[in-house]
Protein backbone atom coordinates (compact mmCIF):
# COMPACT_ATOMS: atom_id res chain seq x y z
CA MET A 1 0.00 0.00 0.00
CA ALA A 2 1.44 3.34 -1.05
CA LYS A 3 1.97 5.97 1.60
CA MET A 4 0.46 9.37 0.95
CA LYS A 5 2.36 12.48 1.90
CA PRO A 6 0.46 14.78 4.23
CA ARG A 7 -0.77 17.94 2.56
CA VAL A 8 1.20 20.94 3.72
CA GLU A 9 -0.55 24.31 3.89
CA SER A 10 1.56 26.68 1.85
CA GLY A 11 0.45 29.84 3.62
CA VAL A 12 -0.51 31.60 0.39
CA VAL A 13 -3.80 32.35 -1.34
CA LEU A 14 -3.99 32.57 -5.12
CA PHE A 15 -5.80 35.45 -6.81
CA ASP A 16 -6.76 36.26 -10.39
CA VAL A 17 -6.15 39.92 -11.25
CA PHE A 18 -8.31 41.66 -13.85
CA TYR A 19 -7.01 44.89 -15.35
CA GLU A 20 -8.89 47.86 -16.78
CA ASP A 21 -7.52 47.09 -20.25
CA GLY A 22 -9.30 43.70 -20.17
CA SER A 23 -6.22 41.58 -19.55
CA ARG A 24 -5.90 39.07 -16.72
CA ALA A 25 -3.12 37.61 -14.58
CA SER A 26 -3.83 34.28 -12.92
CA ASN A 27 -2.59 32.70 -9.70
CA ARG A 28 -0.90 35.69 -8.09
CA LYS A 29 0.37 34.58 -4.69
CA VAL A 30 -0.59 36.54 -1.57
CA PRO A 31 0.40 35.54 2.00
CA ALA A 32 -2.63 34.10 3.78
CA GLU A 33 -1.70 35.55 7.16
CA GLY A 34 -3.11 39.01 6.44
CA LEU A 35 -6.37 37.86 4.85
CA GLY A 36 -9.74 37.19 6.42
CA GLY A 37 -11.16 38.86 9.48
CA LEU A 38 -13.13 42.06 9.11
CA ASP A 39 -11.21 43.22 6.03
CA GLY A 40 -11.70 39.95 4.12
CA ASP A 41 -9.54 39.92 0.99
CA GLU A 42 -9.02 43.70 0.85
CA PRO A 43 -5.42 43.48 2.18
CA ALA A 44 -4.61 41.33 -0.88
CA ARG A 45 -5.26 44.36 -3.08
CA ALA A 46 -2.47 46.35 -1.42
CA PHE A 47 -0.08 43.39 -1.69
CA ILE A 48 -0.86 42.91 -5.38
CA ASP A 49 -0.55 46.67 -6.02
CA GLU A 50 2.96 46.49 -4.55
CA GLN A 51 3.79 43.52 -6.79
CA GLU A 52 2.57 45.51 -9.79
CA ARG A 53 4.82 48.46 -8.87
CA LYS A 54 7.85 46.16 -8.63
CA ILE A 55 7.05 44.50 -11.95
CA ALA A 56 6.62 47.92 -13.59
CA ASP A 57 9.93 49.15 -12.16
CA MET A 58 11.79 46.10 -13.47
CA SER A 59 10.17 46.26 -16.92
CA GLY A 60 10.41 50.02 -17.34
CA LYS A 61 6.71 50.19 -18.23
CA PRO A 62 3.98 51.95 -16.25
CA PRO A 63 1.98 49.71 -13.88
CA ARG A 64 -1.31 48.39 -15.22
CA VAL A 65 -4.45 49.67 -13.51
CA ILE A 66 -6.22 46.90 -11.58
CA ASP A 67 -9.98 46.68 -12.04
CA ARG A 68 -10.68 43.84 -9.58
CA ILE A 69 -9.18 40.80 -7.90
CA VAL A 70 -10.88 37.49 -7.12
CA ARG A 71 -9.66 34.31 -5.47
CA SER A 72 -8.52 31.76 -8.03
CA GLY A 73 -10.75 28.75 -8.53
CA ARG A 74 -9.53 25.36 -7.44
């Protein structure tokens, strides 16, 4: 009988990001520790905004404007 490895919680939540130009980025990782509670997923927006600024700085292009974020489906 094969042994199954226990599932390890990664501590991240995946989000799909939809931009105002109609494009989409899937499975953006956000630390789970700051999510939930009274603010729900709103702290994820700030984290993803920061990721966008870093990506824009590295690419030399302006950051894309985020329309909405939703948790990725399983």
